[in-house]
mmCIF file of all heavy atoms, coordinates in Angstrom:
data_MODEL
# 
_entry.id   MODEL 
# 
loop_
_atom_site.group_PDB 
_atom_site.id 
_atom_site.type_symbol 
_atom_site.label_atom_id 
_atom_site.label_alt_id 
_atom_site.label_comp_id 
_atom_site.label_asym_id 
_atom_site.label_entity_id 
_atom_site.label_seq_id 
_atom_site.pdbx_PDB_ins_code 
_atom_site.Cartn_x 
_atom_site.Cartn_y 
_atom_site.Cartn_z 
_atom_site.occupancy 
_atom_site.B_iso_or_equiv 
_atom_site.pdbx_formal_charge 
_atom_site.auth_seq_id 
_atom_site.auth_comp_id 
_atom_site.auth_asym_id 
_atom_site.auth_atom_id 
_atom_site.pdbx_PDB_model_num 
ATOM 1   N N   . VAL A 1 1  ? 18.490 -72.659 17.436 1.00 0.00 ? 1  VAL A N   1 
ATOM 2   C CA  . VAL A 1 1  ? 19.773 -71.978 17.646 1.00 0.00 ? 1  VAL A CA  1 
ATOM 3   C C   . VAL A 1 1  ? 20.452 -71.720 16.306 1.00 0.00 ? 1  VAL A C   1 
ATOM 4   O O   . VAL A 1 1  ? 21.009 -70.648 16.055 1.00 0.00 ? 1  VAL A O   1 
ATOM 5   C CB  . VAL A 1 1  ? 20.676 -72.797 18.599 1.00 0.00 ? 1  VAL A CB  1 
ATOM 6   C CG1 . VAL A 1 1  ? 22.094 -72.253 18.619 1.00 0.00 ? 1  VAL A CG1 1 
ATOM 7   C CG2 . VAL A 1 1  ? 20.076 -72.822 19.995 1.00 0.00 ? 1  VAL A CG2 1 
ATOM 8   N N   . GLY A 1 2  ? 20.395 -72.692 15.411 1.00 0.00 ? 2  GLY A N   1 
ATOM 9   C CA  . GLY A 1 2  ? 20.985 -72.520 14.078 1.00 0.00 ? 2  GLY A CA  1 
ATOM 10  C C   . GLY A 1 2  ? 20.303 -71.405 13.313 1.00 0.00 ? 2  GLY A C   1 
ATOM 11  O O   . GLY A 1 2  ? 20.954 -70.573 12.666 1.00 0.00 ? 2  GLY A O   1 
ATOM 12  N N   . SER A 1 3  ? 19.002 -71.371 13.391 1.00 0.00 ? 3  SER A N   1 
ATOM 13  C CA  . SER A 1 3  ? 18.258 -70.308 12.715 1.00 0.00 ? 3  SER A CA  1 
ATOM 14  C C   . SER A 1 3  ? 18.578 -68.956 13.324 1.00 0.00 ? 3  SER A C   1 
ATOM 15  O O   . SER A 1 3  ? 18.731 -67.959 12.603 1.00 0.00 ? 3  SER A O   1 
ATOM 16  C CB  . SER A 1 3  ? 16.754 -70.568 12.813 1.00 0.00 ? 3  SER A CB  1 
ATOM 17  O OG  . SER A 1 3  ? 16.432 -71.772 12.189 1.00 0.00 ? 3  SER A OG  1 
ATOM 18  N N   . ALA A 1 4  ? 18.669 -68.898 14.644 1.00 0.00 ? 4  ALA A N   1 
ATOM 19  C CA  . ALA A 1 4  ? 19.010 -67.641 15.306 1.00 0.00 ? 4  ALA A CA  1 
ATOM 20  C C   . ALA A 1 4  ? 20.400 -67.179 14.886 1.00 0.00 ? 4  ALA A C   1 
ATOM 21  O O   . ALA A 1 4  ? 20.636 -65.978 14.652 1.00 0.00 ? 4  ALA A O   1 
ATOM 22  C CB  . ALA A 1 4  ? 18.928 -67.809 16.815 1.00 0.00 ? 4  ALA A CB  1 
ATOM 23  N N   . LEU A 1 5  ? 21.328 -68.108 14.753 1.00 0.00 ? 5  LEU A N   1 
ATOM 24  C CA  . LEU A 1 5  ? 22.680 -67.759 14.324 1.00 0.00 ? 5  LEU A CA  1 
ATOM 25  C C   . LEU A 1 5  ? 22.676 -67.209 12.896 1.00 0.00 ? 5  LEU A C   1 
ATOM 26  O O   . LEU A 1 5  ? 23.359 -66.219 12.600 1.00 0.00 ? 5  LEU A O   1 
ATOM 27  C CB  . LEU A 1 5  ? 23.589 -68.990 14.432 1.00 0.00 ? 5  LEU A CB  1 
ATOM 28  C CG  . LEU A 1 5  ? 25.060 -68.768 14.081 1.00 0.00 ? 5  LEU A CG  1 
ATOM 29  C CD1 . LEU A 1 5  ? 25.689 -67.763 15.038 1.00 0.00 ? 5  LEU A CD1 1 
ATOM 30  C CD2 . LEU A 1 5  ? 25.804 -70.082 14.130 1.00 0.00 ? 5  LEU A CD2 1 
ATOM 31  N N   . VAL A 1 6  ? 21.932 -67.829 12.015 1.00 0.00 ? 6  VAL A N   1 
ATOM 32  C CA  . VAL A 1 6  ? 21.829 -67.351 10.636 1.00 0.00 ? 6  VAL A CA  1 
ATOM 33  C C   . VAL A 1 6  ? 21.214 -65.952 10.610 1.00 0.00 ? 6  VAL A C   1 
ATOM 34  O O   . VAL A 1 6  ? 21.686 -65.067 9.879  1.00 0.00 ? 6  VAL A O   1 
ATOM 35  C CB  . VAL A 1 6  ? 21.015 -68.340 9.776  1.00 0.00 ? 6  VAL A CB  1 
ATOM 36  C CG1 . VAL A 1 6  ? 20.649 -67.738 8.438  1.00 0.00 ? 6  VAL A CG1 1 
ATOM 37  C CG2 . VAL A 1 6  ? 21.783 -69.631 9.596  1.00 0.00 ? 6  VAL A CG2 1 
ATOM 38  N N   . VAL A 1 7  ? 20.198 -65.741 11.405 1.00 0.00 ? 7  VAL A N   1 
ATOM 39  C CA  . VAL A 1 7  ? 19.558 -64.427 11.458 1.00 0.00 ? 7  VAL A CA  1 
ATOM 40  C C   . VAL A 1 7  ? 20.544 -63.382 11.972 1.00 0.00 ? 7  VAL A C   1 
ATOM 41  O O   . VAL A 1 7  ? 20.636 -62.273 11.433 1.00 0.00 ? 7  VAL A O   1 
ATOM 42  C CB  . VAL A 1 7  ? 18.278 -64.475 12.330 1.00 0.00 ? 7  VAL A CB  1 
ATOM 43  C CG1 . VAL A 1 7  ? 17.768 -63.070 12.631 1.00 0.00 ? 7  VAL A CG1 1 
ATOM 44  C CG2 . VAL A 1 7  ? 17.214 -65.302 11.645 1.00 0.00 ? 7  VAL A CG2 1 
ATOM 45  N N   . VAL A 1 8  ? 21.330 -63.716 12.994 1.00 0.00 ? 8  VAL A N   1 
ATOM 46  C CA  . VAL A 1 8  ? 22.319 -62.781 13.528 1.00 0.00 ? 8  VAL A CA  1 
ATOM 47  C C   . VAL A 1 8  ? 23.362 -62.462 12.464 1.00 0.00 ? 8  VAL A C   1 
ATOM 48  O O   . VAL A 1 8  ? 23.766 -61.313 12.289 1.00 0.00 ? 8  VAL A O   1 
ATOM 49  C CB  . VAL A 1 8  ? 22.972 -63.342 14.812 1.00 0.00 ? 8  VAL A CB  1 
ATOM 50  C CG1 . VAL A 1 8  ? 24.211 -62.559 15.192 1.00 0.00 ? 8  VAL A CG1 1 
ATOM 51  C CG2 . VAL A 1 8  ? 21.969 -63.335 15.951 1.00 0.00 ? 8  VAL A CG2 1 
ATOM 52  N N   . LEU A 1 9  ? 23.804 -63.480 11.746 1.00 0.00 ? 9  LEU A N   1 
ATOM 53  C CA  . LEU A 1 9  ? 24.785 -63.247 10.678 1.00 0.00 ? 9  LEU A CA  1 
ATOM 54  C C   . LEU A 1 9  ? 24.223 -62.336 9.599  1.00 0.00 ? 9  LEU A C   1 
ATOM 55  O O   . LEU A 1 9  ? 24.887 -61.409 9.135  1.00 0.00 ? 9  LEU A O   1 
ATOM 56  C CB  . LEU A 1 9  ? 25.225 -64.582 10.059 1.00 0.00 ? 9  LEU A CB  1 
ATOM 57  C CG  . LEU A 1 9  ? 26.194 -65.430 10.868 1.00 0.00 ? 9  LEU A CG  1 
ATOM 58  C CD1 . LEU A 1 9  ? 26.431 -66.750 10.167 1.00 0.00 ? 9  LEU A CD1 1 
ATOM 59  C CD2 . LEU A 1 9  ? 27.504 -64.693 11.069 1.00 0.00 ? 9  LEU A CD2 1 
ATOM 60  N N   . VAL A 1 10 ? 23.015 -62.613 9.178  1.00 0.00 ? 10 VAL A N   1 
ATOM 61  C CA  . VAL A 1 10 ? 22.408 -61.816 8.108  1.00 0.00 ? 10 VAL A CA  1 
ATOM 62  C C   . VAL A 1 10 ? 22.143 -60.395 8.565  1.00 0.00 ? 10 VAL A C   1 
ATOM 63  O O   . VAL A 1 10 ? 22.386 -59.438 7.839  1.00 0.00 ? 10 VAL A O   1 
ATOM 64  C CB  . VAL A 1 10 ? 21.113 -62.493 7.611  1.00 0.00 ? 10 VAL A CB  1 
ATOM 65  C CG1 . VAL A 1 10 ? 20.323 -61.582 6.710  1.00 0.00 ? 10 VAL A CG1 1 
ATOM 66  C CG2 . VAL A 1 10 ? 21.437 -63.795 6.903  1.00 0.00 ? 10 VAL A CG2 1 
ATOM 67  N N   . VAL A 1 11 ? 21.661 -60.231 9.794  1.00 0.00 ? 11 VAL A N   1 
ATOM 68  C CA  . VAL A 1 11 ? 21.272 -58.912 10.276 1.00 0.00 ? 11 VAL A CA  1 
ATOM 69  C C   . VAL A 1 11 ? 22.465 -58.090 10.752 1.00 0.00 ? 11 VAL A C   1 
ATOM 70  O O   . VAL A 1 11 ? 22.517 -56.884 10.523 1.00 0.00 ? 11 VAL A O   1 
ATOM 71  C CB  . VAL A 1 11 ? 20.216 -59.052 11.402 1.00 0.00 ? 11 VAL A CB  1 
ATOM 72  C CG1 . VAL A 1 11 ? 19.937 -57.729 12.081 1.00 0.00 ? 11 VAL A CG1 1 
ATOM 73  C CG2 . VAL A 1 11 ? 18.946 -59.641 10.841 1.00 0.00 ? 11 VAL A CG2 1 
ATOM 74  N N   . ALA A 1 12 ? 23.471 -58.712 11.354 1.00 0.00 ? 12 ALA A N   1 
ATOM 75  C CA  . ALA A 1 12 ? 24.529 -57.933 11.991 1.00 0.00 ? 12 ALA A CA  1 
ATOM 76  C C   . ALA A 1 12 ? 25.878 -58.022 11.279 1.00 0.00 ? 12 ALA A C   1 
ATOM 77  O O   . ALA A 1 12 ? 26.501 -56.997 11.011 1.00 0.00 ? 12 ALA A O   1 
ATOM 78  C CB  . ALA A 1 12 ? 24.687 -58.393 13.441 1.00 0.00 ? 12 ALA A CB  1 
ATOM 79  N N   . VAL A 1 13 ? 26.352 -59.201 10.970 1.00 0.00 ? 13 VAL A N   1 
ATOM 80  C CA  . VAL A 1 13 ? 27.728 -59.355 10.502 1.00 0.00 ? 13 VAL A CA  1 
ATOM 81  C C   . VAL A 1 13 ? 27.900 -58.859 9.078  1.00 0.00 ? 13 VAL A C   1 
ATOM 82  O O   . VAL A 1 13 ? 28.820 -58.087 8.798  1.00 0.00 ? 13 VAL A O   1 
ATOM 83  C CB  . VAL A 1 13 ? 28.169 -60.831 10.635 1.00 0.00 ? 13 VAL A CB  1 
ATOM 84  C CG1 . VAL A 1 13 ? 29.537 -61.038 10.023 1.00 0.00 ? 13 VAL A CG1 1 
ATOM 85  C CG2 . VAL A 1 13 ? 28.181 -61.229 12.098 1.00 0.00 ? 13 VAL A CG2 1 
ATOM 86  N N   . PHE A 1 14 ? 27.075 -59.270 8.157  1.00 0.00 ? 14 PHE A N   1 
ATOM 87  C CA  . PHE A 1 14 ? 27.261 -58.885 6.769  1.00 0.00 ? 14 PHE A CA  1 
ATOM 88  C C   . PHE A 1 14 ? 27.120 -57.374 6.553  1.00 0.00 ? 14 PHE A C   1 
ATOM 89  O O   . PHE A 1 14 ? 27.968 -56.767 5.874  1.00 0.00 ? 14 PHE A O   1 
ATOM 90  C CB  . PHE A 1 14 ? 26.328 -59.672 5.859  1.00 0.00 ? 14 PHE A CB  1 
ATOM 91  C CG  . PHE A 1 14 ? 26.601 -61.147 5.861  1.00 0.00 ? 14 PHE A CG  1 
ATOM 92  C CD1 . PHE A 1 14 ? 25.579 -62.064 5.981  1.00 0.00 ? 14 PHE A CD1 1 
ATOM 93  C CD2 . PHE A 1 14 ? 27.898 -61.634 5.739  1.00 0.00 ? 14 PHE A CD2 1 
ATOM 94  C CE1 . PHE A 1 14 ? 25.832 -63.428 5.980  1.00 0.00 ? 14 PHE A CE1 1 
ATOM 95  C CE2 . PHE A 1 14 ? 28.160 -62.994 5.740  1.00 0.00 ? 14 PHE A CE2 1 
ATOM 96  C CZ  . PHE A 1 14 ? 27.124 -63.894 5.864  1.00 0.00 ? 14 PHE A CZ  1 
ATOM 97  N N   . PRO A 1 15 ? 26.126 -56.717 7.116  1.00 0.00 ? 15 PRO A N   1 
ATOM 98  C CA  . PRO A 1 15 ? 26.067 -55.260 6.969  1.00 0.00 ? 15 PRO A CA  1 
ATOM 99  C C   . PRO A 1 15 ? 27.246 -54.559 7.656  1.00 0.00 ? 15 PRO A C   1 
ATOM 100 O O   . PRO A 1 15 ? 27.728 -53.532 7.173  1.00 0.00 ? 15 PRO A O   1 
ATOM 101 C CB  . PRO A 1 15 ? 24.746 -54.864 7.624  1.00 0.00 ? 15 PRO A CB  1 
ATOM 102 C CG  . PRO A 1 15 ? 23.913 -56.087 7.571  1.00 0.00 ? 15 PRO A CG  1 
ATOM 103 C CD  . PRO A 1 15 ? 24.880 -57.221 7.701  1.00 0.00 ? 15 PRO A CD  1 
ATOM 104 N N   . THR A 1 16 ? 27.726 -55.141 8.751  1.00 0.00 ? 16 THR A N   1 
ATOM 105 C CA  . THR A 1 16 ? 28.868 -54.529 9.431  1.00 0.00 ? 16 THR A CA  1 
ATOM 106 C C   . THR A 1 16 ? 30.101 -54.602 8.556  1.00 0.00 ? 16 THR A C   1 
ATOM 107 O O   . THR A 1 16 ? 30.856 -53.629 8.455  1.00 0.00 ? 16 THR A O   1 
ATOM 108 C CB  . THR A 1 16 ? 29.122 -55.241 10.776 1.00 0.00 ? 16 THR A CB  1 
ATOM 109 O OG1 . THR A 1 16 ? 27.939 -55.177 11.562 1.00 0.00 ? 16 THR A OG1 1 
ATOM 110 C CG2 . THR A 1 16 ? 30.265 -54.599 11.517 1.00 0.00 ? 16 THR A CG2 1 
ATOM 111 N N   . ARG A 1 17 ? 30.326 -55.721 7.888  1.00 0.00 ? 17 ARG A N   1 
ATOM 112 C CA  . ARG A 1 17 ? 31.460 -55.829 6.967  1.00 0.00 ? 17 ARG A CA  1 
ATOM 113 C C   . ARG A 1 17 ? 31.348 -54.817 5.841  1.00 0.00 ? 17 ARG A C   1 
ATOM 114 O O   . ARG A 1 17 ? 32.316 -54.158 5.475  1.00 0.00 ? 17 ARG A O   1 
ATOM 115 C CB  . ARG A 1 17 ? 31.515 -57.242 6.374  1.00 0.00 ? 17 ARG A CB  1 
ATOM 116 C CG  . ARG A 1 17 ? 32.546 -58.113 7.025  1.00 0.00 ? 17 ARG A CG  1 
ATOM 117 C CD  . ARG A 1 17 ? 32.640 -59.452 6.370  1.00 0.00 ? 17 ARG A CD  1 
ATOM 118 N NE  . ARG A 1 17 ? 33.308 -59.367 5.079  1.00 0.00 ? 17 ARG A NE  1 
ATOM 119 C CZ  . ARG A 1 17 ? 33.246 -60.304 4.160  1.00 0.00 ? 17 ARG A CZ  1 
ATOM 120 N NH1 . ARG A 1 17 ? 32.517 -61.378 4.363  1.00 0.00 ? 17 ARG A NH1 1 
ATOM 121 N NH2 . ARG A 1 17 ? 33.891 -60.193 3.036  1.00 0.00 ? 17 ARG A NH2 1 
ATOM 122 N N   . THR A 1 18 ? 30.162 -54.700 5.297  1.00 0.00 ? 18 THR A N   1 
ATOM 123 C CA  . THR A 1 18 ? 29.945 -53.735 4.221  1.00 0.00 ? 18 THR A CA  1 
ATOM 124 C C   . THR A 1 18 ? 30.197 -52.322 4.723  1.00 0.00 ? 18 THR A C   1 
ATOM 125 O O   . THR A 1 18 ? 30.842 -51.516 4.039  1.00 0.00 ? 18 THR A O   1 
ATOM 126 C CB  . THR A 1 18 ? 28.506 -53.863 3.689  1.00 0.00 ? 18 THR A CB  1 
ATOM 127 O OG1 . THR A 1 18 ? 28.289 -55.202 3.268  1.00 0.00 ? 18 THR A OG1 1 
ATOM 128 C CG2 . THR A 1 18 ? 28.277 -52.929 2.528  1.00 0.00 ? 18 THR A CG2 1 
ATOM 129 N N   . TYR A 1 19 ? 29.720 -52.024 5.912  1.00 0.00 ? 19 TYR A N   1 
ATOM 130 C CA  . TYR A 1 19 ? 29.931 -50.699 6.492  1.00 0.00 ? 19 TYR A CA  1 
ATOM 131 C C   . TYR A 1 19 ? 31.409 -50.414 6.681  1.00 0.00 ? 19 TYR A C   1 
ATOM 132 O O   . TYR A 1 19 ? 31.903 -49.336 6.343  1.00 0.00 ? 19 TYR A O   1 
ATOM 133 C CB  . TYR A 1 19 ? 29.192 -50.590 7.831  1.00 0.00 ? 19 TYR A CB  1 
ATOM 134 C CG  . TYR A 1 19 ? 29.570 -49.369 8.625  1.00 0.00 ? 19 TYR A CG  1 
ATOM 135 C CD1 . TYR A 1 19 ? 29.097 -48.107 8.263  1.00 0.00 ? 19 TYR A CD1 1 
ATOM 136 C CD2 . TYR A 1 19 ? 30.417 -49.464 9.726  1.00 0.00 ? 19 TYR A CD2 1 
ATOM 137 C CE1 . TYR A 1 19 ? 29.461 -46.989 8.979  1.00 0.00 ? 19 TYR A CE1 1 
ATOM 138 C CE2 . TYR A 1 19 ? 30.785 -48.350 10.444 1.00 0.00 ? 19 TYR A CE2 1 
ATOM 139 C CZ  . TYR A 1 19 ? 30.299 -47.110 10.068 1.00 0.00 ? 19 TYR A CZ  1 
ATOM 140 O OH  . TYR A 1 19 ? 30.675 -46.008 10.780 1.00 0.00 ? 19 TYR A OH  1 
ATOM 141 N N   . LEU A 1 20 ? 32.165 -51.385 7.211  1.00 0.00 ? 20 LEU A N   1 
ATOM 142 C CA  . LEU A 1 20 ? 33.600 -51.176 7.432  1.00 0.00 ? 20 LEU A CA  1 
ATOM 143 C C   . LEU A 1 20 ? 34.355 -51.018 6.116  1.00 0.00 ? 20 LEU A C   1 
ATOM 144 O O   . LEU A 1 20 ? 35.252 -50.179 5.998  1.00 0.00 ? 20 LEU A O   1 
ATOM 145 C CB  . LEU A 1 20 ? 34.179 -52.333 8.248  1.00 0.00 ? 20 LEU A CB  1 
ATOM 146 C CG  . LEU A 1 20 ? 33.670 -52.438 9.692  1.00 0.00 ? 20 LEU A CG  1 
ATOM 147 C CD1 . LEU A 1 20 ? 34.222 -53.691 10.352 1.00 0.00 ? 20 LEU A CD1 1 
ATOM 148 C CD2 . LEU A 1 20 ? 34.035 -51.200 10.483 1.00 0.00 ? 20 LEU A CD2 1 
ATOM 149 N N   . ASP A 1 21 ? 33.980 -51.796 5.105  1.00 0.00 ? 21 ASP A N   1 
ATOM 150 C CA  . ASP A 1 21 ? 34.605 -51.657 3.788  1.00 0.00 ? 21 ASP A CA  1 
ATOM 151 C C   . ASP A 1 21 ? 34.326 -50.277 3.190  1.00 0.00 ? 21 ASP A C   1 
ATOM 152 O O   . ASP A 1 21 ? 35.222 -49.629 2.641  1.00 0.00 ? 21 ASP A O   1 
ATOM 153 C CB  . ASP A 1 21 ? 34.107 -52.743 2.833  1.00 0.00 ? 21 ASP A CB  1 
ATOM 154 C CG  . ASP A 1 21 ? 34.621 -54.124 3.193  1.00 0.00 ? 21 ASP A CG  1 
ATOM 155 O OD1 . ASP A 1 21 ? 35.617 -54.213 3.956  1.00 0.00 ? 21 ASP A OD1 1 
ATOM 156 O OD2 . ASP A 1 21 ? 34.022 -55.113 2.719  1.00 0.00 ? 21 ASP A OD2 1 
ATOM 157 N N   . GLN A 1 22 ? 33.096 -49.832 3.312  1.00 0.00 ? 22 GLN A N   1 
ATOM 158 C CA  . GLN A 1 22 ? 32.743 -48.514 2.795  1.00 0.00 ? 22 GLN A CA  1 
ATOM 159 C C   . GLN A 1 22 ? 33.466 -47.408 3.559  1.00 0.00 ? 22 GLN A C   1 
ATOM 160 O O   . GLN A 1 22 ? 33.895 -46.425 2.965  1.00 0.00 ? 22 GLN A O   1 
ATOM 161 C CB  . GLN A 1 22 ? 31.227 -48.306 2.869  1.00 0.00 ? 22 GLN A CB  1 
ATOM 162 C CG  . GLN A 1 22 ? 30.459 -49.120 1.860  1.00 0.00 ? 22 GLN A CG  1 
ATOM 163 C CD  . GLN A 1 22 ? 28.961 -48.985 2.045  1.00 0.00 ? 22 GLN A CD  1 
ATOM 164 O OE1 . GLN A 1 22 ? 28.478 -48.422 3.026  1.00 0.00 ? 22 GLN A OE1 1 
ATOM 165 N NE2 . GLN A 1 22 ? 28.207 -49.529 1.091  1.00 0.00 ? 22 GLN A NE2 1 
ATOM 166 N N   . ARG A 1 23 ? 33.614 -47.580 4.858  1.00 0.00 ? 23 ARG A N   1 
ATOM 167 C CA  . ARG A 1 23 ? 34.316 -46.578 5.650  1.00 0.00 ? 23 ARG A CA  1 
ATOM 168 C C   . ARG A 1 23 ? 35.783 -46.476 5.225  1.00 0.00 ? 23 ARG A C   1 
ATOM 169 O O   . ARG A 1 23 ? 36.313 -45.372 5.077  1.00 0.00 ? 23 ARG A O   1 
ATOM 170 C CB  . ARG A 1 23 ? 34.208 -46.939 7.134  1.00 0.00 ? 23 ARG A CB  1 
ATOM 171 C CG  . ARG A 1 23 ? 34.714 -45.840 8.047  1.00 0.00 ? 23 ARG A CG  1 
ATOM 172 C CD  . ARG A 1 23 ? 34.561 -46.215 9.478  1.00 0.00 ? 23 ARG A CD  1 
ATOM 173 N NE  . ARG A 1 23 ? 35.460 -47.344 9.746  1.00 0.00 ? 23 ARG A NE  1 
ATOM 174 C CZ  . ARG A 1 23 ? 35.652 -47.878 10.932 1.00 0.00 ? 23 ARG A CZ  1 
ATOM 175 N NH1 . ARG A 1 23 ? 34.998 -47.431 11.968 1.00 0.00 ? 23 ARG A NH1 1 
ATOM 176 N NH2 . ARG A 1 23 ? 36.484 -48.879 11.095 1.00 0.00 ? 23 ARG A NH2 1 
ATOM 177 N N   . ASP A 1 24 ? 36.426 -47.612 4.990  1.00 0.00 ? 24 ASP A N   1 
ATOM 178 C CA  . ASP A 1 24 ? 37.815 -47.599 4.522  1.00 0.00 ? 24 ASP A CA  1 
ATOM 179 C C   . ASP A 1 24 ? 37.924 -46.959 3.142  1.00 0.00 ? 24 ASP A C   1 
ATOM 180 O O   . ASP A 1 24 ? 38.850 -46.194 2.862  1.00 0.00 ? 24 ASP A O   1 
ATOM 181 C CB  . ASP A 1 24 ? 38.375 -49.020 4.479  1.00 0.00 ? 24 ASP A CB  1 
ATOM 182 C CG  . ASP A 1 24 ? 38.547 -49.618 5.860  1.00 0.00 ? 24 ASP A CG  1 
ATOM 183 O OD1 . ASP A 1 24 ? 38.577 -48.847 6.843  1.00 0.00 ? 24 ASP A OD1 1 
ATOM 184 O OD2 . ASP A 1 24 ? 38.646 -50.862 5.951  1.00 0.00 ? 24 ASP A OD2 1 
ATOM 185 N N   . GLU A 1 25 ? 36.971 -47.275 2.276  1.00 0.00 ? 25 GLU A N   1 
ATOM 186 C CA  . GLU A 1 25 ? 36.984 -46.691 0.932  1.00 0.00 ? 25 GLU A CA  1 
ATOM 187 C C   . GLU A 1 25 ? 36.780 -45.178 0.990  1.00 0.00 ? 25 GLU A C   1 
ATOM 188 O O   . GLU A 1 25 ? 37.441 -44.431 0.258  1.00 0.00 ? 25 GLU A O   1 
ATOM 189 C CB  . GLU A 1 25 ? 35.887 -47.348 0.090  1.00 0.00 ? 25 GLU A CB  1 
ATOM 190 C CG  . GLU A 1 25 ? 35.929 -46.948 -1.366 1.00 0.00 ? 25 GLU A CG  1 
ATOM 191 C CD  . GLU A 1 25 ? 34.898 -47.711 -2.186 1.00 0.00 ? 25 GLU A CD  1 
ATOM 192 O OE1 . GLU A 1 25 ? 34.588 -48.867 -1.851 1.00 0.00 ? 25 GLU A OE1 1 
ATOM 193 O OE2 . GLU A 1 25 ? 34.419 -47.131 -3.167 1.00 0.00 ? 25 GLU A OE2 1 
ATOM 194 N N   . ILE A 1 26 ? 35.896 -44.717 1.866  1.00 0.00 ? 26 ILE A N   1 
ATOM 195 C CA  . ILE A 1 26 ? 35.668 -43.277 2.017  1.00 0.00 ? 26 ILE A CA  1 
ATOM 196 C C   . ILE A 1 26 ? 36.929 -42.593 2.519  1.00 0.00 ? 26 ILE A C   1 
ATOM 197 O O   . ILE A 1 26 ? 37.303 -41.521 2.028  1.00 0.00 ? 26 ILE A O   1 
ATOM 198 C CB  . ILE A 1 26 ? 34.472 -43.021 2.964  1.00 0.00 ? 26 ILE A CB  1 
ATOM 199 C CG1 . ILE A 1 26 ? 33.171 -43.382 2.266  1.00 0.00 ? 26 ILE A CG1 1 
ATOM 200 C CG2 . ILE A 1 26 ? 34.437 -41.569 3.424  1.00 0.00 ? 26 ILE A CG2 1 
ATOM 201 C CD1 . ILE A 1 26 ? 31.967 -43.382 3.176  1.00 0.00 ? 26 ILE A CD1 1 
ATOM 202 N N   . ALA A 1 27 ? 37.625 -43.206 3.459  1.00 0.00 ? 27 ALA A N   1 
ATOM 203 C CA  . ALA A 1 27 ? 38.860 -42.610 3.986  1.00 0.00 ? 27 ALA A CA  1 
ATOM 204 C C   . ALA A 1 27 ? 39.917 -42.508 2.896  1.00 0.00 ? 27 ALA A C   1 
ATOM 205 O O   . ALA A 1 27 ? 40.597 -41.484 2.772  1.00 0.00 ? 27 ALA A O   1 
ATOM 206 C CB  . ALA A 1 27 ? 39.378 -43.441 5.158  1.00 0.00 ? 27 ALA A CB  1 
ATOM 207 N N   . SER A 1 28 ? 40.058 -43.548 2.074  1.00 0.00 ? 28 SER A N   1 
ATOM 208 C CA  . SER A 1 28 ? 41.062 -43.480 1.016  1.00 0.00 ? 28 SER A CA  1 
ATOM 209 C C   . SER A 1 28 ? 40.685 -42.449 -0.043 1.00 0.00 ? 28 SER A C   1 
ATOM 210 O O   . SER A 1 28 ? 41.548 -41.739 -0.563 1.00 0.00 ? 28 SER A O   1 
ATOM 211 C CB  . SER A 1 28 ? 41.259 -44.855 0.377  1.00 0.00 ? 28 SER A CB  1 
ATOM 212 O OG  . SER A 1 28 ? 40.110 -45.240 -0.335 1.00 0.00 ? 28 SER A OG  1 
# 
């Protein structure tokens, strides 16, 4: 379960944060 959580964080959360930051920067 811990490994699955780490994989989910690496695959989904971190790229999503980067995507949202880039989207805000593009809008500005």
